[in-house]
PDB file of N, CA and C in Angstrom:
ATOM      1  N   MET A   1      74.422 138.509 130.686  1.00  0.00           N
ATOM      2  CA  MET A   1      73.451 139.537 130.346  1.00  0.00           C
ATOM      3  C   MET A   1      72.769 139.207 129.116  1.00  0.00           C
ATOM      4  N   PRO A   2      71.413 139.331 129.044  1.00  0.00           N
ATOM      5  CA  PRO A   2      70.698 139.035 127.894  1.00  0.00           C
ATOM      6  C   PRO A   2      70.912 139.997 126.741  1.00  0.00           C
ATOM      7  N   SER A   3      70.848 139.420 125.510  1.00  0.00           N
ATOM      8  CA  SER A   3      70.926 140.367 124.407  1.00  0.00           C
ATOM      9  C   SER A   3      69.769 140.116 123.408  1.00  0.00           C
ATOM     10  N   PHE A   4      69.514 140.930 122.526  1.00  0.00           N
ATOM     11  CA  PHE A   4      68.351 140.888 121.653  1.00  0.00           C
ATOM     12  C   PHE A   4      68.790 140.968 120.216  1.00  0.00           C
ATOM     13  N   LYS A   5      68.184 140.056 119.380  1.00  0.00           N
ATOM     14  CA  LYS A   5      68.458 140.009 117.918  1.00  0.00           C
ATOM     15  C   LYS A   5      67.755 141.148 117.310  1.00  0.00           C
ATOM     16  N   ILE A   6      68.489 141.726 116.330  1.00  0.00           N
ATOM     17  CA  ILE A   6      67.999 142.906 115.524  1.00  0.00           C
ATOM     18  C   ILE A   6      67.732 142.395 114.141  1.00  0.00           C
ATOM     19  N   ASP A   7      66.460 142.566 113.677  1.00  0.00           N
ATOM     20  CA  ASP A   7      66.077 142.086 112.369  1.00  0.00           C
ATOM     21  C   ASP A   7      66.332 143.245 111.328  1.00  0.00           C
ATOM     22  N   LEU A   8      67.308 142.852 110.418  1.00  0.00           N
ATOM     23  CA  LEU A   8      67.616 143.772 109.379  1.00  0.00           C
ATOM     24  C   LEU A   8      67.156 143.407 107.966  1.00  0.00           C
ATOM     25  N   SER A   9      66.134 142.519 107.977  1.00  0.00           N
ATOM     26  CA  SER A   9      65.689 141.916 106.704  1.00  0.00           C
ATOM     27  C   SER A   9      65.074 142.934 105.756  1.00  0.00           C
ATOM     28  N   THR A  10      64.612 144.037 106.266  1.00  0.00           N
ATOM     29  CA  THR A  10      63.982 145.115 105.326  1.00  0.00           C
ATOM     30  C   THR A  10      64.826 146.326 105.278  1.00  0.00           C
ATOM     31  N   ALA A  11      65.990 146.292 106.012  1.00  0.00           N
ATOM     32  CA  ALA A  11      66.868 147.460 106.103  1.00  0.00           C
ATOM     33  C   ALA A  11      67.872 147.470 104.895  1.00  0.00           C
ATOM     34  N   VAL A  12      68.449 148.676 104.683  1.00  0.00           N
ATOM     35  CA  VAL A  12      69.587 148.880 103.806  1.00  0.00           C
ATOM     36  C   VAL A  12      70.684 149.359 104.699  1.00  0.00           C
ATOM     37  N   VAL A  13      71.853 148.697 104.619  1.00  0.00           N
ATOM     38  CA  VAL A  13      72.990 149.030 105.527  1.00  0.00           C
ATOM     39  C   VAL A  13      74.157 149.455 104.708  1.00  0.00           C
ATOM     40  N   PHE A  14      74.812 150.528 105.077  1.00  0.00           N
ATOM     41  CA  PHE A  14      76.010 150.996 104.475  1.00  0.00           C
ATOM     42  C   PHE A  14      77.173 151.191 105.564  1.00  0.00           C
ATOM     43  N   VAL A  15      78.337 151.087 105.129  1.00  0.00           N
ATOM     44  CA  VAL A  15      79.483 151.384 106.038  1.00  0.00           C
ATOM     45  C   VAL A  15      79.581 152.888 106.082  1.00  0.00           C
ATOM     46  N   ALA A  16      79.563 153.350 107.380  1.00  0.00           N
ATOM     47  CA  ALA A  16      79.689 154.832 107.605  1.00  0.00           C
ATOM     48  C   ALA A  16      81.180 155.173 107.952  1.00  0.00           C
ATOM     49  N   THR A  17      81.810 154.303 108.769  1.00  0.00           N
ATOM     50  CA  THR A  17      83.237 154.517 109.128  1.00  0.00           C
ATOM     51  C   THR A  17      83.963 153.153 109.019  1.00  0.00           C
ATOM     52  N   ALA A  18      85.123 153.181 108.500  1.00  0.00           N
ATOM     53  CA  ALA A  18      85.963 151.985 108.310  1.00  0.00           C
ATOM     54  C   ALA A  18      86.284 151.320 109.658  1.00  0.00           C
ATOM     55  N   PRO A  19      86.476 150.074 109.621  1.00  0.00           N
ATOM     56  CA  PRO A  19      86.778 149.307 110.875  1.00  0.00           C
ATOM     57  C   PRO A  19      88.040 149.832 111.571  1.00  0.00           C
ATOM     58  N   GLU A  20      87.998 149.939 112.884  1.00  0.00           N
ATOM     59  CA  GLU A  20      89.121 150.340 113.695  1.00  0.00           C
ATOM     60  C   GLU A  20      89.235 149.458 114.896  1.00  0.00           C
ATOM     61  N   PRO A  21      90.439 149.034 115.287  1.00  0.00           N
ATOM     62  CA  PRO A  21      90.568 148.147 116.361  1.00  0.00           C
ATOM     63  C   PRO A  21      89.871 148.734 117.599  1.00  0.00           C
ATOM     64  N   LYS A  22      89.141 147.813 118.368  1.00  0.00           N
ATOM     65  CA  LYS A  22      88.491 148.242 119.571  1.00  0.00           C
ATOM     66  C   LYS A  22      89.551 148.040 120.734  1.00  0.00           C
ATOM     67  N   MET A  23      89.608 149.045 121.527  1.00  0.00           N
ATOM     68  CA  MET A  23      90.632 149.104 122.623  1.00  0.00           C
ATOM     69  C   MET A  23      90.019 148.664 123.907  1.00  0.00           C
ATOM     70  N   ALA A  24      90.604 147.747 124.680  1.00  0.00           N
ATOM     71  CA  ALA A  24      90.286 147.454 126.043  1.00  0.00           C
ATOM     72  C   ALA A  24      90.765 148.472 127.047  1.00  0.00           C
ATOM     73  N   ASN A  25      91.923 149.022 126.725  1.00  0.00           N
ATOM     74  CA  ASN A  25      92.495 150.007 127.569  1.00  0.00           C
ATOM     75  C   ASN A  25      93.289 150.971 126.701  1.00  0.00           C
ATOM     76  N   LYS A  26      92.764 152.146 126.461  1.00  0.00           N
ATOM     77  CA  LYS A  26      93.391 153.131 125.607  1.00  0.00           C
ATOM     78  C   LYS A  26      94.733 153.621 126.133  1.00  0.00           C
ATOM     79  N   LYS A  27      94.915 153.703 127.430  1.00  0.00           N
ATOM     80  CA  LYS A  27      96.189 154.168 128.012  1.00  0.00           C
ATOM     81  C   LYS A  27      97.313 153.188 127.733  1.00  0.00           C
ATOM     82  N   THR A  28      97.027 151.937 127.780  1.00  0.00           N
ATOM     83  CA  THR A  28      98.085 150.874 127.642  1.00  0.00           C
ATOM     84  C   THR A  28      98.109 150.404 126.098  1.00  0.00           C
ATOM     85  N   GLY A  29      97.105 150.778 125.367  1.00  0.00           N
ATOM     86  CA  GLY A  29      97.036 150.235 124.012  1.00  0.00           C
ATOM     87  C   GLY A  29      96.619 148.807 123.928  1.00  0.00           C
ATOM     88  N   GLU A  30      96.021 148.243 125.010  1.00  0.00           N
ATOM     89  CA  GLU A  30      95.576 146.883 125.008  1.00  0.00           C
ATOM     90  C   GLU A  30      94.315 146.695 124.088  1.00  0.00           C
ATOM     91  N   ARG A  31      94.429 145.788 123.203  1.00  0.00           N
ATOM     92  CA  ARG A  31      93.310 145.587 122.278  1.00  0.00           C
ATOM     93  C   ARG A  31      92.249 144.662 122.959  1.00  0.00           C
ATOM     94  N   ALA A  32      90.979 144.971 122.596  1.00  0.00           N
ATOM     95  CA  ALA A  32      89.839 144.165 123.041  1.00  0.00           C
ATOM     96  C   ALA A  32      89.787 142.887 122.327  1.00  0.00           C
ATOM     97  N   VAL A  33      89.558 141.777 123.010  1.00  0.00           N
ATOM     98  CA  VAL A  33      89.356 140.437 122.380  1.00  0.00           C
ATOM     99  C   VAL A  33      88.123 139.796 122.845  1.00  0.00           C
ATOM    100  N   ASP A  34      87.693 138.885 121.928  1.00  0.00           N
ATOM    101  CA  ASP A  34      86.500 138.098 122.285  1.00  0.00           C
ATOM    102  C   ASP A  34      86.866 137.108 123.379  1.00  0.00           C
ATOM    103  N   ARG A  35      86.198 137.073 124.395  1.00  0.00           N
ATOM    104  CA  ARG A  35      86.439 136.211 125.584  1.00  0.00           C
ATOM    105  C   ARG A  35      86.415 134.738 125.224  1.00  0.00           C
ATOM    106  N   GLU A  36      85.555 134.316 124.320  1.00  0.00           N
ATOM    107  CA  GLU A  36      85.419 132.942 123.941  1.00  0.00           C
ATOM    108  C   GLU A  36      86.519 132.398 122.921  1.00  0.00           C
ATOM    109  N   THR A  37      86.759 133.275 121.907  1.00  0.00           N
ATOM    110  CA  THR A  37      87.639 132.842 120.896  1.00  0.00           C
ATOM    111  C   THR A  37      89.056 133.416 120.934  1.00  0.00           C
ATOM    112  N   GLY A  38      89.240 134.565 121.603  1.00  0.00           N
ATOM    113  CA  GLY A  38      90.478 135.219 121.618  1.00  0.00           C
ATOM    114  C   GLY A  38      90.746 136.096 120.400  1.00  0.00           C
ATOM    115  N   ASP A  39      89.775 136.162 119.538  1.00  0.00           N
ATOM    116  CA  ASP A  39      89.912 137.056 118.285  1.00  0.00           C
ATOM    117  C   ASP A  39      89.917 138.489 118.699  1.00  0.00           C
ATOM    118  N   GLY A  40      90.735 139.319 117.992  1.00  0.00           N
ATOM    119  CA  GLY A  40      90.684 140.736 118.092  1.00  0.00           C
ATOM    120  C   GLY A  40      89.372 141.284 117.655  1.00  0.00           C
ATOM    121  N   LEU A  41      88.928 142.343 118.335  1.00  0.00           N
ATOM    122  CA  LEU A  41      87.654 143.017 118.030  1.00  0.00           C
ATOM    123  C   LEU A  41      87.963 144.306 117.285  1.00  0.00           C
ATOM    124  N   SER A  42      87.088 144.718 116.407  1.00  0.00           N
ATOM    125  CA  SER A  42      87.085 145.980 115.745  1.00  0.00           C
ATOM    126  C   SER A  42      85.721 146.599 115.849  1.00  0.00           C
ATOM    127  N   THR A  43      85.598 147.950 115.675  1.00  0.00           N
ATOM    128  CA  THR A  43      84.404 148.682 115.632  1.00  0.00           C
ATOM    129  C   THR A  43      84.129 149.261 114.290  1.00  0.00           C
ATOM    130  N   ILE A  44      82.975 149.123 113.765  1.00  0.00           N
ATOM    131  CA  ILE A  44      82.564 149.662 112.491  1.00  0.00           C
ATOM    132  C   ILE A  44      81.399 150.539 112.608  1.00  0.00           C
ATOM    133  N   GLY A  45      81.365 151.670 111.990  1.00  0.00           N
ATOM    134  CA  GLY A  45      80.185 152.505 112.000  1.00  0.00           C
ATOM    135  C   GLY A  45      79.351 152.150 110.852  1.00  0.00           C
ATOM    136  N   LEU A  46      78.108 151.731 111.171  1.00  0.00           N
ATOM    137  CA  LEU A  46      77.184 151.325 110.107  1.00  0.00           C
ATOM    138  C   LEU A  46      75.899 152.275 110.144  1.00  0.00           C
ATOM    139  N   LEU A  47      75.522 152.621 108.897  1.00  0.00           N
ATOM    140  CA  LEU A  47      74.334 153.485 108.742  1.00  0.00           C
ATOM    141  C   LEU A  47      73.285 152.447 108.325  1.00  0.00           C
ATOM    142  N   VAL A  48      72.200 152.359 109.117  1.00  0.00           N
ATOM    143  CA  VAL A  48      71.075 151.477 108.966  1.00  0.00           C
ATOM    144  C   VAL A  48      69.854 152.359 108.621  1.00  0.00           C
ATOM    145  N   SER A  49      69.254 152.033 107.385  1.00  0.00           N
ATOM    146  CA  SER A  49      68.129 152.801 106.962  1.00  0.00           C
ATOM    147  C   SER A  49      66.965 151.798 106.769  1.00  0.00           C
ATOM    148  N   ASP A  50      65.905 152.095 107.463  1.00  0.00           N
ATOM    149  CA  ASP A  50      64.748 151.194 107.363  1.00  0.00           C
ATOM    150  C   ASP A  50      63.424 151.943 107.686  1.00  0.00           C
ATOM    151  N   GLU A  51      62.399 151.816 106.943  1.00  0.00           N
ATOM    152  CA  GLU A  51      61.128 152.423 107.107  1.00  0.00           C
ATOM    153  C   GLU A  51      61.252 153.962 107.175  1.00  0.00           C
ATOM    154  N   GLY A  52      62.066 154.553 106.326  1.00  0.00           N
ATOM    155  CA  GLY A  52      62.189 155.987 106.241  1.00  0.00           C
ATOM    156  C   GLY A  52      62.968 156.659 107.353  1.00  0.00           C
ATOM    157  N   GLU A  53      63.739 155.832 108.176  1.00  0.00           N
ATOM    158  CA  GLU A  53      64.599 156.264 109.242  1.00  0.00           C
ATOM    159  C   GLU A  53      65.975 155.758 109.119  1.00  0.00           C
ATOM    160  N   GLY A  54      66.911 156.631 109.329  1.00  0.00           N
ATOM    161  CA  GLY A  54      68.330 156.244 109.217  1.00  0.00           C
ATOM    162  C   GLY A  54      69.000 156.429 110.540  1.00  0.00           C
ATOM    163  N   ASN A  55      69.823 155.487 110.991  1.00  0.00           N
ATOM    164  CA  ASN A  55      70.519 155.519 112.311  1.00  0.00           C
ATOM    165  C   ASN A  55      71.914 155.078 112.124  1.00  0.00           C
ATOM    166  N   LEU A  56      72.797 155.707 112.854  1.00  0.00           N
ATOM    167  CA  LEU A  56      74.200 155.319 112.876  1.00  0.00           C
ATOM    168  C   LEU A  56      74.501 154.484 114.031  1.00  0.00           C
ATOM    169  N   TYR A  57      75.069 153.301 113.913  1.00  0.00           N
ATOM    170  CA  TYR A  57      75.403 152.419 114.973  1.00  0.00           C
ATOM    171  C   TYR A  57      76.898 152.119 114.967  1.00  0.00           C
ATOM    172  N   GLN A  58      77.503 152.085 116.118  1.00  0.00           N
ATOM    173  CA  GLN A  58      78.875 151.615 116.198  1.00  0.00           C
ATOM    174  C   GLN A  58      78.754 150.132 116.579  1.00  0.00           C
ATOM    175  N   VAL A  59      79.286 149.288 115.727  1.00  0.00           N
ATOM    176  CA  VAL A  59      79.012 147.867 115.965  1.00  0.00           C
ATOM    177  C   VAL A  59      80.431 147.175 116.099  1.00  0.00           C
ATOM    178  N   THR A  60      80.484 146.268 117.111  1.00  0.00           N
ATOM    179  CA  THR A  60      81.688 145.518 117.341  1.00  0.00           C
ATOM    180  C   THR A  60      81.573 144.255 116.589  1.00  0.00           C
ATOM    181  N   VAL A  61      82.677 143.866 115.873  1.00  0.00           N
ATOM    182  CA  VAL A  61      82.748 142.686 115.097  1.00  0.00           C
ATOM    183  C   VAL A  61      84.153 142.056 115.283  1.00  0.00           C
ATOM    184  N   PRO A  62      84.149 140.650 115.326  1.00  0.00           N
ATOM    185  CA  PRO A  62      85.543 140.023 115.449  1.00  0.00           C
ATOM    186  C   PRO A  62      86.245 140.229 114.099  1.00  0.00           C
ATOM    187  N   GLU A  63      87.548 140.295 114.229  1.00  0.00           N
ATOM    188  CA  GLU A  63      88.315 140.558 112.966  1.00  0.00           C
ATOM    189  C   GLU A  63      88.064 139.600 111.904  1.00  0.00           C
ATOM    190  N   ARG A  64      87.880 138.318 112.196  1.00  0.00           N
ATOM    191  CA  ARG A  64      87.624 137.319 111.130  1.00  0.00           C
ATOM    192  C   ARG A  64      86.356 137.525 110.439  1.00  0.00           C
ATOM    193  N   GLY A  65      85.410 138.341 110.977  1.00  0.00           N
ATOM    194  CA  GLY A  65      84.140 138.581 110.346  1.00  0.00           C
ATOM    195  C   GLY A  65      84.144 139.900 109.474  1.00  0.00           C
ATOM    196  N   ILE A  66      85.291 140.487 109.287  1.00  0.00           N
ATOM    197  CA  ILE A  66      85.355 141.772 108.516  1.00  0.00           C
ATOM    198  C   ILE A  66      86.187 141.484 107.186  1.00  0.00           C
ATOM    199  N   PRO A  67      85.464 141.677 106.016  1.00  0.00           N
ATOM    200  CA  PRO A  67      86.223 141.451 104.778  1.00  0.00           C
ATOM    201  C   PRO A  67      87.279 142.550 104.515  1.00  0.00           C
ATOM    202  N   GLU A  68      88.260 142.189 103.806  1.00  0.00           N
ATOM    203  CA  GLU A  68      89.378 143.154 103.394  1.00  0.00           C
ATOM    204  C   GLU A  68      88.778 144.280 102.586  1.00  0.00           C
ATOM    205  N   GLY A  69      89.326 145.446 102.731  1.00  0.00           N
ATOM    206  CA  GLY A  69      88.962 146.544 101.832  1.00  0.00           C
ATOM    207  C   GLY A  69      87.611 147.226 102.115  1.00  0.00           C
ATOM    208  N   LEU A  70      87.046 146.973 103.351  1.00  0.00           N
ATOM    209  CA  LEU A  70      85.779 147.612 103.690  1.00  0.00           C
ATOM    210  C   LEU A  70      85.937 149.107 103.787  1.00  0.00           C
ATOM    211  N   GLN A  71      85.182 149.831 103.038  1.00  0.00           N
ATOM    212  CA  GLN A  71      85.300 151.303 102.981  1.00  0.00           C
ATOM    213  C   GLN A  71      84.016 151.964 103.211  1.00  0.00           C
ATOM    214  N   PRO A  72      84.005 153.261 103.684  1.00  0.00           N
ATOM    215  CA  PRO A  72      82.790 154.043 103.923  1.00  0.00           C
ATOM    216  C   PRO A  72      81.986 154.107 102.523  1.00  0.00           C
ATOM    217  N   GLY A  73      80.705 154.010 102.654  1.00  0.00           N
ATOM    218  CA  GLY A  73      79.823 154.099 101.507  1.00  0.00           C
ATOM    219  C   GLY A  73      79.467 152.721 100.858  1.00  0.00           C
ATOM    220  N   MET A  74      80.213 151.672 101.291  1.00  0.00           N
ATOM    221  CA  MET A  74      79.931 150.338 100.724  1.00  0.00           C
ATOM    222  C   MET A  74      78.552 149.806 101.277  1.00  0.00           C
ATOM    223  N   PRO A  75      77.731 149.206 100.426  1.00  0.00           N
ATOM    224  CA  PRO A  75      76.571 148.511 101.010  1.00  0.00           C
ATOM    225  C   PRO A  75      77.051 147.142 101.574  1.00  0.00           C
ATOM    226  N   VAL A  76      76.464 146.729 102.734  1.00  0.00           N
ATOM    227  CA  VAL A  76      76.913 145.540 103.374  1.00  0.00           C
ATOM    228  C   VAL A  76      75.723 144.813 103.968  1.00  0.00           C
ATOM    229  N   SER A  77      75.889 143.546 104.235  1.00  0.00           N
ATOM    230  CA  SER A  77      75.004 142.697 104.959  1.00  0.00           C
ATOM    231  C   SER A  77      75.578 142.456 106.261  1.00  0.00           C
ATOM    232  N   VAL A  78      74.771 142.474 107.296  1.00  0.00           N
ATOM    233  CA  VAL A  78      75.260 142.156 108.667  1.00  0.00           C
ATOM    234  C   VAL A  78      74.691 140.882 109.203  1.00  0.00           C
ATOM    235  N   ILE A  79      75.657 140.048 109.670  1.00  0.00           N
ATOM    236  CA  ILE A  79      75.164 138.698 110.115  1.00  0.00           C
ATOM    237  C   ILE A  79      75.164 138.686 111.662  1.00  0.00           C
ATOM    238  N   GLY A  80      74.079 138.275 112.217  1.00  0.00           N
ATOM    239  CA  GLY A  80      73.998 138.140 113.704  1.00  0.00           C
ATOM    240  C   GLY A  80      74.076 139.338 114.523  1.00  0.00           C
ATOM    241  N   LEU A  81      73.422 140.450 114.091  1.00  0.00           N
ATOM    242  CA  LEU A  81      73.376 141.616 114.872  1.00  0.00           C
ATOM    243  C   LEU A  81      72.517 141.536 116.084  1.00  0.00           C
ATOM    244  N   ARG A  82      73.116 141.902 117.286  1.00  0.00           N
ATOM    245  CA  ARG A  82      72.524 141.789 118.522  1.00  0.00           C
ATOM    246  C   ARG A  82      72.733 143.019 119.293  1.00  0.00           C
ATOM    247  N   ALA A  83      71.823 143.368 120.212  1.00  0.00           N
ATOM    248  CA  ALA A  83      71.991 144.576 121.092  1.00  0.00           C
ATOM    249  C   ALA A  83      71.854 144.146 122.546  1.00  0.00           C
ATOM    250  N   ARG A  84      72.634 144.816 123.408  1.00  0.00           N
ATOM    251  CA  ARG A  84      72.478 144.589 124.788  1.00  0.00           C
ATOM    252  C   ARG A  84      72.713 145.824 125.540  1.00  0.00           C
ATOM    253  N   ASP A  85      72.077 146.045 126.668  1.00  0.00           N
ATOM    254  CA  ASP A  85      72.250 147.228 127.451  1.00  0.00           C
ATOM    255  C   ASP A  85      73.419 147.087 128.334  1.00  0.00           C
ATOM    256  N   TRP A  86      73.966 148.208 128.757  1.00  0.00           N
ATOM    257  CA  TRP A  86      75.193 148.084 129.648  1.00  0.00           C
ATOM    258  C   TRP A  86      75.142 149.340 130.573  1.00  0.00           C
ATOM    259  N   GLU A  87      75.780 149.102 131.716  1.00  0.00           N
ATOM    260  CA  GLU A  87      75.861 150.278 132.723  1.00  0.00           C
ATOM    261  C   GLU A  87      77.142 150.061 133.501  1.00  0.00           C
ATOM    262  N   ASN A  88      77.790 151.122 133.746  1.00  0.00           N
ATOM    263  CA  ASN A  88      79.024 151.136 134.701  1.00  0.00           C
ATOM    264  C   ASN A  88      79.195 152.415 135.431  1.00  0.00           C
ATOM    265  N   GLU A  89      80.013 152.419 136.373  1.00  0.00           N
ATOM    266  CA  GLU A  89      80.281 153.625 137.056  1.00  0.00           C
ATOM    267  C   GLU A  89      81.818 153.883 137.047  1.00  0.00           C
ATOM    268  N   PHE A  90      82.057 155.116 136.693  1.00  0.00           N
ATOM    269  CA  PHE A  90      83.464 155.551 136.570  1.00  0.00           C
ATOM    270  C   PHE A  90      83.655 156.990 137.229  1.00  0.00           C
ATOM    271  N   ASN A  91      84.555 157.106 138.143  1.00  0.00           N
ATOM    272  CA  ASN A  91      84.756 158.327 138.849  1.00  0.00           C
ATOM    273  C   ASN A  91      83.456 158.936 139.516  1.00  0.00           C
ATOM    274  N   GLY A  92      82.672 157.983 140.045  1.00  0.00           N
ATOM    275  CA  GLY A  92      81.434 158.383 140.646  1.00  0.00           C
ATOM    276  C   GLY A  92      80.235 158.723 139.734  1.00  0.00           C
ATOM    277  N   GLN A  93      80.441 158.555 138.406  1.00  0.00           N
ATOM    278  CA  GLN A  93      79.419 158.851 137.520  1.00  0.00           C
ATOM    279  C   GLN A  93      78.875 157.620 136.792  1.00  0.00           C
ATOM    280  N   LYS A  94      77.560 157.450 136.930  1.00  0.00           N
ATOM    281  CA  LYS A  94      76.985 156.246 136.241  1.00  0.00           C
ATOM    282  C   LYS A  94      76.783 156.579 134.692  1.00  0.00           C
ATOM    283  N   ARG A  95      77.141 155.576 133.957  1.00  0.00           N
ATOM    284  CA  ARG A  95      76.952 155.728 132.553  1.00  0.00           C
ATOM    285  C   ARG A  95      76.120 154.460 132.114  1.00  0.00           C
ATOM    286  N   HIS A  96      75.410 154.656 130.987  1.00  0.00           N
ATOM    287  CA  HIS A  96      74.654 153.508 130.450  1.00  0.00           C
ATOM    288  C   HIS A  96      74.406 153.647 128.991  1.00  0.00           C
ATOM    289  N   GLY A  97      74.086 152.620 128.307  1.00  0.00           N
ATOM    290  CA  GLY A  97      73.930 152.667 126.897  1.00  0.00           C
ATOM    291  C   GLY A  97      73.526 151.338 126.297  1.00  0.00           C
ATOM    292  N   ILE A  98      73.513 151.289 124.994  1.00  0.00           N
ATOM    293  CA  ILE A  98      73.249 150.006 124.332  1.00  0.00           C
ATOM    294  C   ILE A  98      74.530 149.578 123.420  1.00  0.00           C
ATOM    295  N   ALA A  99      74.953 148.401 123.542  1.00  0.00           N
ATOM    296  CA  ALA A  99      76.187 147.987 122.760  1.00  0.00           C
ATOM    297  C   ALA A  99      75.606 147.109 121.655  1.00  0.00           C
ATOM    298  N   PHE A 100      76.159 147.188 120.421  1.00  0.00           N
ATOM    299  CA  PHE A 100      75.844 146.425 119.294  1.00  0.00           C
ATOM    300  C   PHE A 100      76.993 145.485 118.917  1.00  0.00           C
ATOM    301  N   ARG A 101      76.693 144.294 118.656  1.00  0.00           N
ATOM    302  CA  ARG A 101      77.670 143.291 118.280  1.00  0.00           C
ATOM    303  C   ARG A 101      77.148 142.471 117.098  1.00  0.00           C
ATOM    304  N   ALA A 102      77.957 142.120 116.171  1.00  0.00           N
ATOM    305  CA  ALA A 102      77.669 141.324 115.010  1.00  0.00           C
ATOM    306  C   ALA A 102      78.691 140.152 114.906  1.00  0.00           C
ATOM    307  N   VAL A 103      78.250 139.089 114.249  1.00  0.00           N
ATOM    308  CA  VAL A 103      79.127 137.999 114.032  1.00  0.00           C
ATOM    309  C   VAL A 103      80.021 138.287 112.866  1.00  0.00           C
ATOM    310  N   ALA A 104      79.470 138.936 111.858  1.00  0.00           N
ATOM    311  CA  ALA A 104      80.244 139.256 110.638  1.00  0.00           C
ATOM    312  C   ALA A 104      79.491 140.386 109.809  1.00  0.00           C
ATOM    313  N   VAL A 105      80.326 141.010 108.909  1.00  0.00           N
ATOM    314  CA  VAL A 105      79.802 141.930 107.956  1.00  0.00           C
ATOM    315  C   VAL A 105      80.259 141.423 106.634  1.00  0.00           C
ATOM    316  N   SER A 106      79.441 141.360 105.640  1.00  0.00           N
ATOM    317  CA  SER A 106      79.835 140.964 104.307  1.00  0.00           C
ATOM    318  C   SER A 106      79.416 141.985 103.252  1.00  0.00           C
ATOM    319  N   THR A 107      80.287 142.102 102.196  1.00  0.00           N
ATOM    320  CA  THR A 107      80.067 143.054 101.142  1.00  0.00           C
ATOM    321  C   THR A 107      78.899 142.647 100.317  1.00  0.00           C
ATOM    322  N   GLY A 108      78.164 143.629  99.772  1.00  0.00           N
ATOM    323  CA  GLY A 108      76.906 143.358  99.065  1.00  0.00           C
ATOM    324  C   GLY A 108      75.763 143.376  99.948  1.00  0.00           C
ATOM    325  N   ALA A 109      74.676 143.868  99.443  1.00  0.00           N
ATOM    326  CA  ALA A 109      73.449 144.116 100.244  1.00  0.00           C
ATOM    327  C   ALA A 109      72.496 142.918 100.246  1.00  0.00           C
TER     328      ALA A 109
END
């Protein structure tokens, strides 16, 4: 499925919520992993402010791309942010949205 690069060159980005492990199956506690590398994945809430507009994004990042001690309120740089649309059906209901994924997050703006 195609994904699209997101340009953050003029944006200011802050951590909104600390990284949490992304779950593949919440019932079993199975952690989501990157299919290519096998790295565990985490989700970070990021507040992106650009051109007078602020948005909160839940971004999936491999564990190795997350620095220690990342806390809400910290300014960060996001490396390789991409978006892709998704759609699935569960219990007869169709759901869809946009998933955000980054290669890494680094401290400092």
